[in-house]
Amino acid sequence: MGLGGLVLTIIGGAIIFIGGLFDLVAALGVNKFPDFYTRLHAVTIGAIGGAVYPIIGSAILVFGVPGLSLSARLSFALPMLVIASLILITAPTGSHAVARAAYRSGLKPYRRIPGEVKK
């Protein structure tokens, strides 16, 4: 593996690790946030950051693999980038549709009263 392959492997691994951190933060948000809307926001962050970053990192990682031809690398990487772009389009749209349906059905957002003591 040459220097370029090593650099691509490190960058791809770092981006995959960042995606894992997004998933961790999303899991914490789902457990800690008080109502449906903020939890939905955390889930959307996890869906976008926790799915898109590892897919892009894997696409970069493929270019660092020694012994593959350029056409083989592109045949792995291009579908990954298409999937990542589809997730970037559909995840926020779906989240917005779910939040709008919940609001229209009468689910009110949580409002904290200033000075209120948690029980």
C-alpha atoms as a PDB file:
ATOM      1  CA  MET A   1       0.000   0.000   0.000  1.00  0.00           C
ATOM      2  CA  GLY A   2       1.417   3.319  -1.025  1.00  0.00           C
ATOM      3  CA  LEU A   3       1.234   6.609   0.809  1.00  0.00           C
ATOM      4  CA  GLY A   4      -1.904   7.650  -1.096  1.00  0.00           C
ATOM      5  CA  GLY A   5      -3.678   4.434  -0.145  1.00  0.00           C
ATOM      6  CA  LEU A   6      -2.679   4.882   3.483  1.00  0.00           C
ATOM      7  CA  VAL A   7      -3.990   8.447   3.541  1.00  0.00           C
ATOM      8  CA  LEU A   8      -7.297   7.358   1.972  1.00  0.00           C
ATOM      9  CA  THR A   9      -7.606   4.529   4.496  1.00  0.00           C
ATOM     10  CA  ILE A  10      -7.029   6.898   7.415  1.00  0.00           C
ATOM     11  CA  ILE A  11      -9.484   9.489   6.070  1.00  0.00           C
ATOM     12  CA  GLY A  12     -12.118   6.840   5.339  1.00  0.00           C
ATOM     13  CA  GLY A  13     -11.716   5.281   8.783  1.00  0.00           C
ATOM     14  CA  ALA A  14     -11.961   8.686  10.461  1.00  0.00           C
ATOM     15  CA  ILE A  15     -15.178   9.507   8.607  1.00  0.00           C
ATOM     16  CA  ILE A  16     -16.652   6.123   9.571  1.00  0.00           C
ATOM     17  CA  PHE A  17     -15.701   6.836  13.202  1.00  0.00           C
ATOM     18  CA  ILE A  18     -17.415  10.241  13.027  1.00  0.00           C
ATOM     19  CA  GLY A  19     -20.559   8.480  11.779  1.00  0.00           C
ATOM     20  CA  GLY A  20     -20.412   6.216  14.824  1.00  0.00           C
ATOM     21  CA  LEU A  21     -20.234   9.275  17.059  1.00  0.00           C
ATOM     22  CA  PHE A  22     -23.350  10.658  15.357  1.00  0.00           C
ATOM     23  CA  ASP A  23     -25.152   7.397  16.143  1.00  0.00           C
ATOM     24  CA  LEU A  24     -24.029   7.573  19.762  1.00  0.00           C
ATOM     25  CA  VAL A  25     -25.228  11.166  20.153  1.00  0.00           C
ATOM     26  CA  ALA A  26     -28.542  10.264  18.514  1.00  0.00           C
ATOM     27  CA  ALA A  27     -29.039   7.358  20.924  1.00  0.00           C
ATOM     28  CA  LEU A  28     -28.354   9.629  23.886  1.00  0.00           C
ATOM     29  CA  GLY A  29     -30.776  12.201  22.511  1.00  0.00           C
ATOM     30  CA  VAL A  30     -33.571   9.672  22.102  1.00  0.00           C
ATOM     31  CA  ASN A  31     -33.160   8.661  25.740  1.00  0.00           C
ATOM     32  CA  LYS A  32     -32.751  12.166  27.198  1.00  0.00           C
ATOM     33  CA  PHE A  33     -35.038  14.483  25.235  1.00  0.00           C
ATOM     34  CA  PRO A  34     -38.448  15.174  26.770  1.00  0.00           C
ATOM     35  CA  ASP A  35     -40.932  14.912  23.900  1.00  0.00           C
ATOM     36  CA  PHE A  36     -41.650  13.389  20.532  1.00  0.00           C
ATOM     37  CA  TYR A  37     -40.417  16.285  18.413  1.00  0.00           C
ATOM     38  CA  THR A  38     -36.975  16.602  19.963  1.00  0.00           C
ATOM     39  CA  ARG A  39     -36.582  12.815  19.922  1.00  0.00           C
ATOM     40  CA  LEU A  40     -37.534  12.820  16.260  1.00  0.00           C
ATOM     41  CA  HIS A  41     -34.813  15.411  15.688  1.00  0.00           C
ATOM     42  CA  ALA A  42     -32.274  13.137  17.391  1.00  0.00           C
ATOM     43  CA  VAL A  43     -33.358  10.179  15.287  1.00  0.00           C
ATOM     44  CA  THR A  44     -32.999  12.234  12.104  1.00  0.00           C
ATOM     45  CA  ILE A  45     -29.490  13.315  13.137  1.00  0.00           C
ATOM     46  CA  GLY A  46     -28.650   9.661  13.668  1.00  0.00           C
ATOM     47  CA  ALA A  47     -30.146   8.645  10.342  1.00  0.00           C
ATOM     48  CA  ILE A  48     -28.276  11.292   8.407  1.00  0.00           C
ATOM     49  CA  GLY A  49     -24.958  11.472  10.234  1.00  0.00           C
ATOM     50  CA  GLY A  50     -24.903   7.874  11.368  1.00  0.00           C
ATOM     51  CA  ALA A  51     -25.666   6.469   7.935  1.00  0.00           C
ATOM     52  CA  VAL A  52     -24.316   8.953   5.419  1.00  0.00           C
ATOM     53  CA  TYR A  53     -20.873   9.500   6.970  1.00  0.00           C
ATOM     54  CA  PRO A  54     -20.014   5.783   7.193  1.00  0.00           C
ATOM     55  CA  ILE A  55     -21.205   5.235   3.624  1.00  0.00           C
ATOM     56  CA  ILE A  56     -19.049   8.095   2.357  1.00  0.00           C
ATOM     57  CA  GLY A  57     -16.152   6.847   4.494  1.00  0.00           C
ATOM     58  CA  SER A  58     -16.524   3.391   2.973  1.00  0.00           C
ATOM     59  CA  ALA A  59     -16.523   4.881  -0.518  1.00  0.00           C
ATOM     60  CA  ILE A  60     -13.273   6.700   0.275  1.00  0.00           C
ATOM     61  CA  LEU A  61     -11.878   3.557   1.882  1.00  0.00           C
ATOM     62  CA  VAL A  62     -12.454   1.591  -1.328  1.00  0.00           C
ATOM     63  CA  PHE A  63     -10.075   3.897  -3.185  1.00  0.00           C
ATOM     64  CA  GLY A  64      -7.320   3.037  -0.705  1.00  0.00           C
ATOM     65  CA  VAL A  65      -7.548  -0.728  -1.317  1.00  0.00           C
ATOM     66  CA  PRO A  66      -4.494  -1.952  -3.230  1.00  0.00           C
ATOM     67  CA  GLY A  67      -4.893  -4.316  -6.161  1.00  0.00           C
ATOM     68  CA  LEU A  68      -8.259  -3.079  -7.421  1.00  0.00           C
ATOM     69  CA  SER A  69      -8.609  -1.547 -10.841  1.00  0.00           C
ATOM     70  CA  LEU A  70     -10.147   1.879 -11.238  1.00  0.00           C
ATOM     71  CA  SER A  71     -13.331   0.394 -12.718  1.00  0.00           C
ATOM     72  CA  ALA A  72     -13.682  -1.957  -9.733  1.00  0.00           C
ATOM     73  CA  ARG A  73     -13.183   0.922  -7.306  1.00  0.00           C
ATOM     74  CA  LEU A  74     -15.761   3.030  -9.113  1.00  0.00           C
ATOM     75  CA  SER A  75     -18.227   0.123  -9.243  1.00  0.00           C
ATOM     76  CA  PHE A  76     -18.064  -0.030  -5.447  1.00  0.00           C
ATOM     77  CA  ALA A  77     -17.874   3.685  -4.675  1.00  0.00           C
ATOM     78  CA  LEU A  78     -20.465   5.176  -7.038  1.00  0.00           C
ATOM     79  CA  PRO A  79     -23.439   3.153  -5.731  1.00  0.00           C
ATOM     80  CA  MET A  80     -22.399   4.092  -2.197  1.00  0.00           C
ATOM     81  CA  LEU A  81     -22.441   7.768  -3.094  1.00  0.00           C
ATOM     82  CA  VAL A  82     -25.849   7.403  -4.762  1.00  0.00           C
ATOM     83  CA  ILE A  83     -27.231   5.714  -1.650  1.00  0.00           C
ATOM     84  CA  ALA A  84     -25.760   8.448   0.560  1.00  0.00           C
ATOM     85  CA  SER A  85     -27.364  11.155  -1.559  1.00  0.00           C
ATOM     86  CA  LEU A  86     -30.730   9.376  -1.441  1.00  0.00           C
ATOM     87  CA  ILE A  87     -30.539   9.191   2.348  1.00  0.00           C
ATOM     88  CA  LEU A  88     -29.679  12.904   2.463  1.00  0.00           C
ATOM     89  CA  ILE A  89     -32.835  13.640   0.477  1.00  0.00           C
ATOM     90  CA  THR A  90     -35.299  11.231   2.056  1.00  0.00           C
ATOM     91  CA  ALA A  91     -34.410  11.325   5.769  1.00  0.00           C
ATOM     92  CA  PRO A  92     -35.223  15.007   6.409  1.00  0.00           C
ATOM     93  CA  THR A  93     -38.294  14.796   4.187  1.00  0.00           C
ATOM     94  CA  GLY A  94     -39.628  11.771   6.046  1.00  0.00           C
ATOM     95  CA  SER A  95     -38.868  13.331   9.415  1.00  0.00           C
ATOM     96  CA  HIS A  96     -40.713  16.490   8.438  1.00  0.00           C
ATOM     97  CA  ALA A  97     -43.728  14.481   7.248  1.00  0.00           C
ATOM     98  CA  VAL A  98     -43.879  12.516  10.504  1.00  0.00           C
ATOM     99  CA  ALA A  99     -43.566  15.672  12.632  1.00  0.00           C
ATOM    100  CA  ARG A 100     -46.241  17.451  10.624  1.00  0.00           C
ATOM    101  CA  ALA A 101     -48.612  14.498  10.908  1.00  0.00           C
ATOM    102  CA  ALA A 102     -48.030  14.336  14.660  1.00  0.00           C
ATOM    103  CA  TYR A 103     -48.710  18.052  15.067  1.00  0.00           C
ATOM    104  CA  ARG A 104     -51.845  17.907  12.943  1.00  0.00           C
ATOM    105  CA  SER A 105     -53.136  14.965  14.968  1.00  0.00           C
ATOM    106  CA  GLY A 106     -52.951  17.122  18.092  1.00  0.00           C
ATOM    107  CA  LEU A 107     -49.640  16.169  19.693  1.00  0.00           C
ATOM    108  CA  LYS A 108     -48.405  19.349  21.356  1.00  0.00           C
ATOM    109  CA  PRO A 109     -44.703  20.124  21.859  1.00  0.00           C
ATOM    110  CA  TYR A 110     -43.303  20.022  25.378  1.00  0.00           C
ATOM    111  CA  ARG A 111     -43.070  23.459  26.964  1.00  0.00           C
ATOM    112  CA  ARG A 112     -40.998  23.938  30.081  1.00  0.00           C
ATOM    113  CA  ILE A 113     -42.315  26.563  32.458  1.00  0.00           C
ATOM    114  CA  PRO A 114     -39.530  28.842  33.736  1.00  0.00           C
ATOM    115  CA  GLY A 115     -38.784  28.121  37.391  1.00  0.00           C
ATOM    116  CA  GLU A 116     -40.468  24.716  37.225  1.00  0.00           C
ATOM    117  CA  VAL A 117     -38.765  22.075  39.360  1.00  0.00           C
ATOM    118  CA  LYS A 118     -38.222  18.631  37.865  1.00  0.00           C
ATOM    119  CA  LYS A 119     -39.746  15.795  39.875  1.00  0.00           C
END
